[in-house]
PDB file of N, CA and C in Angstrom:
ATOM      1  N   MET A   1      15.988  -2.683  -8.126  1.00  0.00           N
ATOM      2  CA  MET A   1      14.820  -2.563  -7.288  1.00  0.00           C
ATOM      3  C   MET A   1      14.865  -3.654  -6.213  1.00  0.00           C
ATOM      4  N   ALA A   2      14.460  -3.309  -5.000  1.00  0.00           N
ATOM      5  CA  ALA A   2      14.384  -4.267  -3.907  1.00  0.00           C
ATOM      6  C   ALA A   2      13.351  -5.328  -4.244  1.00  0.00           C
ATOM      7  N   ASP A   3      13.497  -6.503  -3.619  1.00  0.00           N
ATOM      8  CA  ASP A   3      12.568  -7.575  -3.962  1.00  0.00           C
ATOM      9  C   ASP A   3      11.682  -8.014  -2.803  1.00  0.00           C
ATOM     10  N   ARG A   4      11.814  -7.359  -1.638  1.00  0.00           N
ATOM     11  CA  ARG A   4      10.988  -7.772  -0.509  1.00  0.00           C
ATOM     12  C   ARG A   4      10.607  -6.575   0.351  1.00  0.00           C
ATOM     13  N   LEU A   5       9.338  -6.508   0.671  1.00  0.00           N
ATOM     14  CA  LEU A   5       8.796  -5.478   1.552  1.00  0.00           C
ATOM     15  C   LEU A   5       8.216  -6.176   2.776  1.00  0.00           C
ATOM     16  N   ASP A   6       8.683  -5.789   3.962  1.00  0.00           N
ATOM     17  CA  ASP A   6       8.124  -6.304   5.208  1.00  0.00           C
ATOM     18  C   ASP A   6       7.199  -5.244   5.769  1.00  0.00           C
ATOM     19  N   ILE A   7       5.904  -5.549   5.825  1.00  0.00           N
ATOM     20  CA  ILE A   7       4.898  -4.605   6.301  1.00  0.00           C
ATOM     21  C   ILE A   7       4.730  -4.750   7.809  1.00  0.00           C
ATOM     22  N   ASP A   8       4.783  -3.629   8.500  1.00  0.00           N
ATOM     23  CA  ASP A   8       4.511  -3.592   9.935  1.00  0.00           C
ATOM     24  C   ASP A   8       2.987  -3.610  10.105  1.00  0.00           C
ATOM     25  N   LYS A   9       2.450  -4.777  10.442  1.00  0.00           N
ATOM     26  CA  LYS A   9       0.997  -4.929  10.515  1.00  0.00           C
ATOM     27  C   LYS A   9       0.373  -4.014  11.567  1.00  0.00           C
ATOM     28  N   ALA A  10       1.126  -3.673  12.609  1.00  0.00           N
ATOM     29  CA  ALA A  10       0.618  -2.775  13.658  1.00  0.00           C
ATOM     30  C   ALA A  10       0.463  -1.340  13.150  1.00  0.00           C
ATOM     31  N   SER A  11       1.095  -1.024  12.027  1.00  0.00           N
ATOM     32  CA  SER A  11       1.052   0.348  11.500  1.00  0.00           C
ATOM     33  C   SER A  11      -0.104   0.581  10.534  1.00  0.00           C
ATOM     34  N   ILE A  12      -0.852  -0.449  10.169  1.00  0.00           N
ATOM     35  CA  ILE A  12      -1.920  -0.319   9.167  1.00  0.00           C
ATOM     36  C   ILE A  12      -3.029   0.569   9.713  1.00  0.00           C
ATOM     37  N   PHE A  13      -3.330   1.630   8.953  1.00  0.00           N
ATOM     38  CA  PHE A  13      -4.309   2.635   9.379  1.00  0.00           C
ATOM     39  C   PHE A  13      -5.212   2.986   8.208  1.00  0.00           C
ATOM     40  N   ASP A  14      -6.517   2.871   8.414  1.00  0.00           N
ATOM     41  CA  ASP A  14      -7.496   3.234   7.385  1.00  0.00           C
ATOM     42  C   ASP A  14      -7.786   4.726   7.506  1.00  0.00           C
ATOM     43  N   ASN A  15      -7.228   5.515   6.591  1.00  0.00           N
ATOM     44  CA  ASN A  15      -7.419   6.966   6.589  1.00  0.00           C
ATOM     45  C   ASN A  15      -8.659   7.283   5.748  1.00  0.00           C
ATOM     46  N   LEU A  16      -9.794   7.372   6.424  1.00  0.00           N
ATOM     47  CA  LEU A  16     -11.071   7.600   5.732  1.00  0.00           C
ATOM     48  C   LEU A  16     -11.094   8.933   4.997  1.00  0.00           C
ATOM     49  N   ASP A  17     -10.503   9.963   5.593  1.00  0.00           N
ATOM     50  CA  ASP A  17     -10.517  11.295   4.976  1.00  0.00           C
ATOM     51  C   ASP A  17      -9.781  11.314   3.638  1.00  0.00           C
ATOM     52  N   GLU A  18      -8.649  10.627   3.579  1.00  0.00           N
ATOM     53  CA  GLU A  18      -7.841  10.605   2.349  1.00  0.00           C
ATOM     54  C   GLU A  18      -8.203   9.435   1.437  1.00  0.00           C
ATOM     55  N   GLN A  19      -9.089   8.563   1.897  1.00  0.00           N
ATOM     56  CA  GLN A  19      -9.503   7.363   1.164  1.00  0.00           C
ATOM     57  C   GLN A  19      -8.291   6.534   0.738  1.00  0.00           C
ATOM     58  N   GLN A  20      -7.507   6.174   1.763  1.00  0.00           N
ATOM     59  CA  GLN A  20      -6.342   5.342   1.537  1.00  0.00           C
ATOM     60  C   GLN A  20      -5.995   4.612   2.830  1.00  0.00           C
ATOM     61  N   VAL A  21      -5.328   3.479   2.683  1.00  0.00           N
ATOM     62  CA  VAL A  21      -4.820   2.737   3.829  1.00  0.00           C
ATOM     63  C   VAL A  21      -3.329   3.032   3.908  1.00  0.00           C
ATOM     64  N   GLU A  22      -2.900   3.498   5.071  1.00  0.00           N
ATOM     65  CA  GLU A  22      -1.501   3.877   5.272  1.00  0.00           C
ATOM     66  C   GLU A  22      -0.802   2.805   6.098  1.00  0.00           C
ATOM     67  N   PHE A  23       0.490   2.606   5.827  1.00  0.00           N
ATOM     68  CA  PHE A  23       1.261   1.605   6.562  1.00  0.00           C
ATOM     69  C   PHE A  23       2.746   1.895   6.435  1.00  0.00           C
ATOM     70  N   THR A  24       3.497   1.283   7.329  1.00  0.00           N
ATOM     71  CA  THR A  24       4.956   1.379   7.308  1.00  0.00           C
ATOM     72  C   THR A  24       5.499   0.062   6.780  1.00  0.00           C
ATOM     73  N   GLY A  25       6.502   0.171   5.932  1.00  0.00           N
ATOM     74  CA  GLY A  25       7.149  -1.016   5.404  1.00  0.00           C
ATOM     75  C   GLY A  25       8.651  -0.872   5.459  1.00  0.00           C
ATOM     76  N   GLU A  26       9.330  -1.995   5.607  1.00  0.00           N
ATOM     77  CA  GLU A  26      10.787  -1.999   5.655  1.00  0.00           C
ATOM     78  C   GLU A  26      11.337  -2.733   4.443  1.00  0.00           C
ATOM     79  N   ILE A  27      12.297  -2.091   3.797  1.00  0.00           N
ATOM     80  CA  ILE A  27      12.945  -2.672   2.625  1.00  0.00           C
ATOM     81  C   ILE A  27      14.447  -2.512   2.811  1.00  0.00           C
ATOM     82  N   ASP A  28      15.162  -3.618   2.795  1.00  0.00           N
ATOM     83  CA  ASP A  28      16.621  -3.598   2.944  1.00  0.00           C
ATOM     84  C   ASP A  28      17.063  -2.780   4.150  1.00  0.00           C
ATOM     85  N   GLY A  29      16.330  -2.888   5.257  1.00  0.00           N
ATOM     86  CA  GLY A  29      16.692  -2.196   6.487  1.00  0.00           C
ATOM     87  C   GLY A  29      16.232  -0.755   6.587  1.00  0.00           C
ATOM     88  N   ASP A  30      15.631  -0.216   5.536  1.00  0.00           N
ATOM     89  CA  ASP A  30      15.135   1.163   5.543  1.00  0.00           C
ATOM     90  C   ASP A  30      13.616   1.160   5.673  1.00  0.00           C
ATOM     91  N   GLU A  31      13.086   2.054   6.534  1.00  0.00           N
ATOM     92  CA  GLU A  31      11.644   2.167   6.719  1.00  0.00           C
ATOM     93  C   GLU A  31      11.065   3.244   5.816  1.00  0.00           C
ATOM     94  N   TYR A  32       9.904   2.951   5.256  1.00  0.00           N
ATOM     95  CA  TYR A  32       9.191   3.889   4.396  1.00  0.00           C
ATOM     96  C   TYR A  32       7.730   3.918   4.817  1.00  0.00           C
ATOM     97  N   GLN A  33       7.110   5.066   4.578  1.00  0.00           N
ATOM     98  CA  GLN A  33       5.674   5.223   4.806  1.00  0.00           C
ATOM     99  C   GLN A  33       4.975   5.060   3.459  1.00  0.00           C
ATOM    100  N   PHE A  34       3.938   4.248   3.428  1.00  0.00           N
ATOM    101  CA  PHE A  34       3.185   3.998   2.204  1.00  0.00           C
ATOM    102  C   PHE A  34       1.715   4.309   2.421  1.00  0.00           C
ATOM    103  N   ALA A  35       1.027   4.555   1.329  1.00  0.00           N
ATOM    104  CA  ALA A  35      -0.428   4.700   1.336  1.00  0.00           C
ATOM    105  C   ALA A  35      -0.955   4.045   0.062  1.00  0.00           C
ATOM    106  N   VAL A  36      -1.922   3.154   0.232  1.00  0.00           N
ATOM    107  CA  VAL A  36      -2.552   2.517  -0.924  1.00  0.00           C
ATOM    108  C   VAL A  36      -3.949   3.114  -1.064  1.00  0.00           C
ATOM    109  N   GLN A  37      -4.231   3.650  -2.240  1.00  0.00           N
ATOM    110  CA  GLN A  37      -5.498   4.315  -2.491  1.00  0.00           C
ATOM    111  C   GLN A  37      -6.647   3.315  -2.539  1.00  0.00           C
ATOM    112  N   TYR A  38      -7.819   3.775  -2.122  1.00  0.00           N
ATOM    113  CA  TYR A  38      -9.008   2.913  -2.144  1.00  0.00           C
ATOM    114  C   TYR A  38      -9.270   2.346  -3.541  1.00  0.00           C
ATOM    115  N   ASN A  39      -8.987   3.127  -4.589  1.00  0.00           N
ATOM    116  CA  ASN A  39      -9.276   2.613  -5.938  1.00  0.00           C
ATOM    117  C   ASN A  39      -8.395   1.408  -6.273  1.00  0.00           C
ATOM    118  N   VAL A  40      -7.215   1.312  -5.658  1.00  0.00           N
ATOM    119  CA  VAL A  40      -6.371   0.130  -5.844  1.00  0.00           C
ATOM    120  C   VAL A  40      -7.028  -1.068  -5.161  1.00  0.00           C
ATOM    121  N   LEU A  41      -7.529  -0.848  -3.954  1.00  0.00           N
ATOM    122  CA  LEU A  41      -8.222  -1.931  -3.248  1.00  0.00           C
ATOM    123  C   LEU A  41      -9.452  -2.390  -4.026  1.00  0.00           C
ATOM    124  N   GLU A  42     -10.153  -1.431  -4.623  1.00  0.00           N
ATOM    125  CA  GLU A  42     -11.320  -1.775  -5.437  1.00  0.00           C
ATOM    126  C   GLU A  42     -10.904  -2.559  -6.678  1.00  0.00           C
ATOM    127  N   ALA A  43      -9.798  -2.164  -7.309  1.00  0.00           N
ATOM    128  CA  ALA A  43      -9.323  -2.875  -8.498  1.00  0.00           C
ATOM    129  C   ALA A  43      -8.943  -4.324  -8.147  1.00  0.00           C
ATOM    130  N   LEU A  44      -8.389  -4.526  -6.968  1.00  0.00           N
ATOM    131  CA  LEU A  44      -7.982  -5.869  -6.558  1.00  0.00           C
ATOM    132  C   LEU A  44      -9.167  -6.739  -6.145  1.00  0.00           C
ATOM    133  N   SER A  45     -10.129  -6.146  -5.435  1.00  0.00           N
ATOM    134  CA  SER A  45     -11.215  -6.937  -4.855  1.00  0.00           C
ATOM    135  C   SER A  45     -12.485  -6.957  -5.697  1.00  0.00           C
ATOM    136  N   GLY A  46     -12.652  -5.934  -6.538  1.00  0.00           N
ATOM    137  CA  GLY A  46     -13.880  -5.824  -7.319  1.00  0.00           C
ATOM    138  C   GLY A  46     -14.956  -5.018  -6.619  1.00  0.00           C
ATOM    139  N   ASP A  47     -14.710  -4.631  -5.372  1.00  0.00           N
ATOM    140  CA  ASP A  47     -15.689  -3.856  -4.604  1.00  0.00           C
ATOM    141  C   ASP A  47     -15.021  -2.651  -3.967  1.00  0.00           C
ATOM    142  N   ALA A  48     -15.731  -1.525  -3.932  1.00  0.00           N
ATOM    143  CA  ALA A  48     -15.221  -0.331  -3.256  1.00  0.00           C
ATOM    144  C   ALA A  48     -15.221  -0.574  -1.748  1.00  0.00           C
ATOM    145  N   PRO A  49     -14.160  -0.163  -1.054  1.00  0.00           N
ATOM    146  CA  PRO A  49     -14.128  -0.324   0.401  1.00  0.00           C
ATOM    147  C   PRO A  49     -15.244   0.482   1.060  1.00  0.00           C
ATOM    148  N   GLU A  50     -15.943  -0.172   1.964  1.00  0.00           N
ATOM    149  CA  GLU A  50     -17.013   0.491   2.719  1.00  0.00           C
ATOM    150  C   GLU A  50     -16.841   0.121   4.181  1.00  0.00           C
ATOM    151  N   GLY A  51     -15.871   0.765   4.826  1.00  0.00           N
ATOM    152  CA  GLY A  51     -15.611   0.484   6.225  1.00  0.00           C
ATOM    153  C   GLY A  51     -14.754  -0.743   6.458  1.00  0.00           C
ATOM    154  N   ASP A  52     -14.310  -1.379   5.376  1.00  0.00           N
ATOM    155  CA  ASP A  52     -13.513  -2.596   5.514  1.00  0.00           C
ATOM    156  C   ASP A  52     -12.205  -2.524   4.734  1.00  0.00           C
ATOM    157  N   ALA A  53     -11.687  -1.320   4.549  1.00  0.00           N
ATOM    158  CA  ALA A  53     -10.478  -1.143   3.738  1.00  0.00           C
ATOM    159  C   ALA A  53      -9.278  -1.873   4.335  1.00  0.00           C
ATOM    160  N   ALA A  54      -9.118  -1.820   5.658  1.00  0.00           N
ATOM    161  CA  ALA A  54      -7.982  -2.506   6.287  1.00  0.00           C
ATOM    162  C   ALA A  54      -8.101  -4.024   6.103  1.00  0.00           C
ATOM    163  N   GLU A  55      -9.312  -4.533   6.185  1.00  0.00           N
ATOM    164  CA  GLU A  55      -9.528  -5.969   5.958  1.00  0.00           C
ATOM    165  C   GLU A  55      -9.211  -6.338   4.502  1.00  0.00           C
ATOM    166  N   THR A  56      -9.669  -5.517   3.573  1.00  0.00           N
ATOM    167  CA  THR A  56      -9.370  -5.747   2.155  1.00  0.00           C
ATOM    168  C   THR A  56      -7.874  -5.709   1.930  1.00  0.00           C
ATOM    169  N   PHE A  57      -7.202  -4.746   2.548  1.00  0.00           N
ATOM    170  CA  PHE A  57      -5.739  -4.653   2.478  1.00  0.00           C
ATOM    171  C   PHE A  57      -5.116  -5.983   2.894  1.00  0.00           C
ATOM    172  N   GLY A  58      -5.575  -6.538   3.999  1.00  0.00           N
ATOM    173  CA  GLY A  58      -5.034  -7.798   4.496  1.00  0.00           C
ATOM    174  C   GLY A  58      -5.229  -8.964   3.546  1.00  0.00           C
ATOM    175  N   ARG A  59      -6.338  -8.978   2.844  1.00  0.00           N
ATOM    176  CA  ARG A  59      -6.610 -10.064   1.885  1.00  0.00           C
ATOM    177  C   ARG A  59      -5.712  -9.982   0.653  1.00  0.00           C
ATOM    178  N   PHE A  60      -5.259  -8.777   0.319  1.00  0.00           N
ATOM    179  CA  PHE A  60      -4.485  -8.581  -0.910  1.00  0.00           C
ATOM    180  C   PHE A  60      -3.082  -8.057  -0.623  1.00  0.00           C
ATOM    181  N   VAL A  61      -2.520  -8.462   0.510  1.00  0.00           N
ATOM    182  CA  VAL A  61      -1.230  -7.916   0.937  1.00  0.00           C
ATOM    183  C   VAL A  61      -0.101  -8.242  -0.057  1.00  0.00           C
ATOM    184  N   ASP A  62      -0.122  -9.399  -0.698  1.00  0.00           N
ATOM    185  CA  ASP A  62       0.958  -9.740  -1.634  1.00  0.00           C
ATOM    186  C   ASP A  62       0.980  -8.837  -2.860  1.00  0.00           C
ATOM    187  N   PRO A  63      -0.141  -8.667  -3.587  1.00  0.00           N
ATOM    188  CA  PRO A  63      -0.085  -7.740  -4.732  1.00  0.00           C
ATOM    189  C   PRO A  63       0.144  -6.288  -4.292  1.00  0.00           C
ATOM    190  N   ILE A  64      -0.328  -5.929  -3.098  1.00  0.00           N
ATOM    191  CA  ILE A  64      -0.073  -4.566  -2.598  1.00  0.00           C
ATOM    192  C   ILE A  64       1.412  -4.395  -2.317  1.00  0.00           C
ATOM    193  N   SER A  65       2.054  -5.421  -1.761  1.00  0.00           N
ATOM    194  CA  SER A  65       3.503  -5.354  -1.511  1.00  0.00           C
ATOM    195  C   SER A  65       4.272  -5.171  -2.816  1.00  0.00           C
ATOM    196  N   ASP A  66       3.882  -5.920  -3.840  1.00  0.00           N
ATOM    197  CA  ASP A  66       4.532  -5.784  -5.150  1.00  0.00           C
ATOM    198  C   ASP A  66       4.324  -4.377  -5.711  1.00  0.00           C
ATOM    199  N   ALA A  67       3.106  -3.860  -5.575  1.00  0.00           N
ATOM    200  CA  ALA A  67       2.809  -2.510  -6.067  1.00  0.00           C
ATOM    201  C   ALA A  67       3.576  -1.461  -5.267  1.00  0.00           C
ATOM    202  N   ALA A  68       3.766  -1.704  -3.973  1.00  0.00           N
ATOM    203  CA  ALA A  68       4.524  -0.773  -3.141  1.00  0.00           C
ATOM    204  C   ALA A  68       5.974  -0.685  -3.609  1.00  0.00           C
ATOM    205  N   LEU A  69       6.542  -1.833  -3.974  1.00  0.00           N
ATOM    206  CA  LEU A  69       7.914  -1.831  -4.497  1.00  0.00           C
ATOM    207  C   LEU A  69       7.996  -1.057  -5.810  1.00  0.00           C
ATOM    208  N   ALA A  70       6.992  -1.216  -6.663  1.00  0.00           N
ATOM    209  CA  ALA A  70       6.959  -0.474  -7.928  1.00  0.00           C
ATOM    210  C   ALA A  70       6.825   1.026  -7.657  1.00  0.00           C
ATOM    211  N   ALA A  71       5.976   1.400  -6.698  1.00  0.00           N
ATOM    212  CA  ALA A  71       5.787   2.814  -6.361  1.00  0.00           C
ATOM    213  C   ALA A  71       7.064   3.404  -5.782  1.00  0.00           C
ATOM    214  N   LEU A  72       7.753   2.631  -4.953  1.00  0.00           N
ATOM    215  CA  LEU A  72       9.007   3.102  -4.373  1.00  0.00           C
ATOM    216  C   LEU A  72      10.060   3.311  -5.450  1.00  0.00           C
ATOM    217  N   ALA A  73      10.133   2.404  -6.411  1.00  0.00           N
ATOM    218  CA  ALA A  73      11.102   2.536  -7.506  1.00  0.00           C
ATOM    219  C   ALA A  73      10.794   3.765  -8.351  1.00  0.00           C
ATOM    220  N   ARG A  74       9.521   4.112  -8.452  1.00  0.00           N
ATOM    221  CA  ARG A  74       9.094   5.262  -9.251  1.00  0.00           C
ATOM    222  C   ARG A  74       9.383   6.579  -8.548  1.00  0.00           C
ATOM    223  N   ASP A  75       9.206   6.610  -7.217  1.00  0.00           N
ATOM    224  CA  ASP A  75       9.273   7.888  -6.511  1.00  0.00           C
ATOM    225  C   ASP A  75       9.641   7.644  -5.055  1.00  0.00           C
ATOM    226  N   ASP A  76      10.941   7.547  -4.758  1.00  0.00           N
ATOM    227  CA  ASP A  76      11.365   7.183  -3.410  1.00  0.00           C
ATOM    228  C   ASP A  76      11.699   8.361  -2.508  1.00  0.00           C
ATOM    229  N   ASP A  77      11.490   9.594  -2.963  1.00  0.00           N
ATOM    230  CA  ASP A  77      11.878  10.729  -2.134  1.00  0.00           C
ATOM    231  C   ASP A  77      10.687  11.483  -1.526  1.00  0.00           C
ATOM    232  N   GLN A  78       9.505  10.874  -1.560  1.00  0.00           N
ATOM    233  CA  GLN A  78       8.316  11.479  -0.952  1.00  0.00           C
ATOM    234  C   GLN A  78       8.180  11.009   0.492  1.00  0.00           C
ATOM    235  N   PRO A  79       7.598  11.835   1.374  1.00  0.00           N
ATOM    236  CA  PRO A  79       7.407  11.393   2.763  1.00  0.00           C
ATOM    237  C   PRO A  79       6.462  10.197   2.869  1.00  0.00           C
ATOM    238  N   ILE A  80       5.457  10.135   1.987  1.00  0.00           N
ATOM    239  CA  ILE A  80       4.557   8.981   1.907  1.00  0.00           C
ATOM    240  C   ILE A  80       4.532   8.524   0.452  1.00  0.00           C
ATOM    241  N   ILE A  81       4.892   7.279   0.226  1.00  0.00           N
ATOM    242  CA  ILE A  81       4.878   6.702  -1.120  1.00  0.00           C
ATOM    243  C   ILE A  81       3.439   6.255  -1.401  1.00  0.00           C
ATOM    244  N   VAL A  82       2.788   6.899  -2.360  1.00  0.00           N
ATOM    245  CA  VAL A  82       1.388   6.588  -2.682  1.00  0.00           C
ATOM    246  C   VAL A  82       1.341   5.514  -3.770  1.00  0.00           C
ATOM    247  N   ILE A  83       0.636   4.439  -3.475  1.00  0.00           N
ATOM    248  CA  ILE A  83       0.472   3.328  -4.406  1.00  0.00           C
ATOM    249  C   ILE A  83      -0.813   3.561  -5.195  1.00  0.00           C
ATOM    250  N   SER A  84      -0.673   3.625  -6.521  1.00  0.00           N
ATOM    251  CA  SER A  84      -1.829   3.851  -7.372  1.00  0.00           C
ATOM    252  C   SER A  84      -2.082   2.616  -8.241  1.00  0.00           C
ATOM    253  N   GLU A  85      -3.169   2.647  -8.988  1.00  0.00           N
ATOM    254  CA  GLU A  85      -3.478   1.527  -9.892  1.00  0.00           C
ATOM    255  C   GLU A  85      -2.362   1.308 -10.906  1.00  0.00           C
ATOM    256  N   ASN A  86      -1.638   2.356 -11.276  1.00  0.00           N
ATOM    257  CA  ASN A  86      -0.549   2.227 -12.239  1.00  0.00           C
ATOM    258  C   ASN A  86       0.580   1.354 -11.723  1.00  0.00           C
ATOM    259  N   ASP A  87       0.652   1.166 -10.395  1.00  0.00           N
ATOM    260  CA  ASP A  87       1.717   0.348  -9.810  1.00  0.00           C
ATOM    261  C   ASP A  87       1.370  -1.129  -9.768  1.00  0.00           C
ATOM    262  N   LEU A  88       0.121  -1.474 -10.067  1.00  0.00           N
ATOM    263  CA  LEU A  88      -0.257  -2.897 -10.118  1.00  0.00           C
ATOM    264  C   LEU A  88       0.335  -3.538 -11.357  1.00  0.00           C
ATOM    265  N   GLU A  89       0.706  -4.800 -11.244  1.00  0.00           N
ATOM    266  CA  GLU A  89       1.277  -5.498 -12.415  1.00  0.00           C
ATOM    267  C   GLU A  89       0.194  -5.947 -13.350  1.00  0.00           C
TER     268      GLU A  89
END
């Protein structure tokens, strides 16, 4: 498993309809599309996102990066790698 995810901060998008924050990350020179579900942000922060999901994402970028690596190891052939609570350590 790769050990470092570089998140493109300009790609962070709060998808209100899907209740997830989407972003692009680079691992070992390869780009992947990720989405972290609101329930993951709630599990990390203790509060459900209410218009501040991108800000919450920024506060918890390190555990989200770790969870993204776990999600990628679990399922790397999807167009968008969805990070769920199961990917948190």
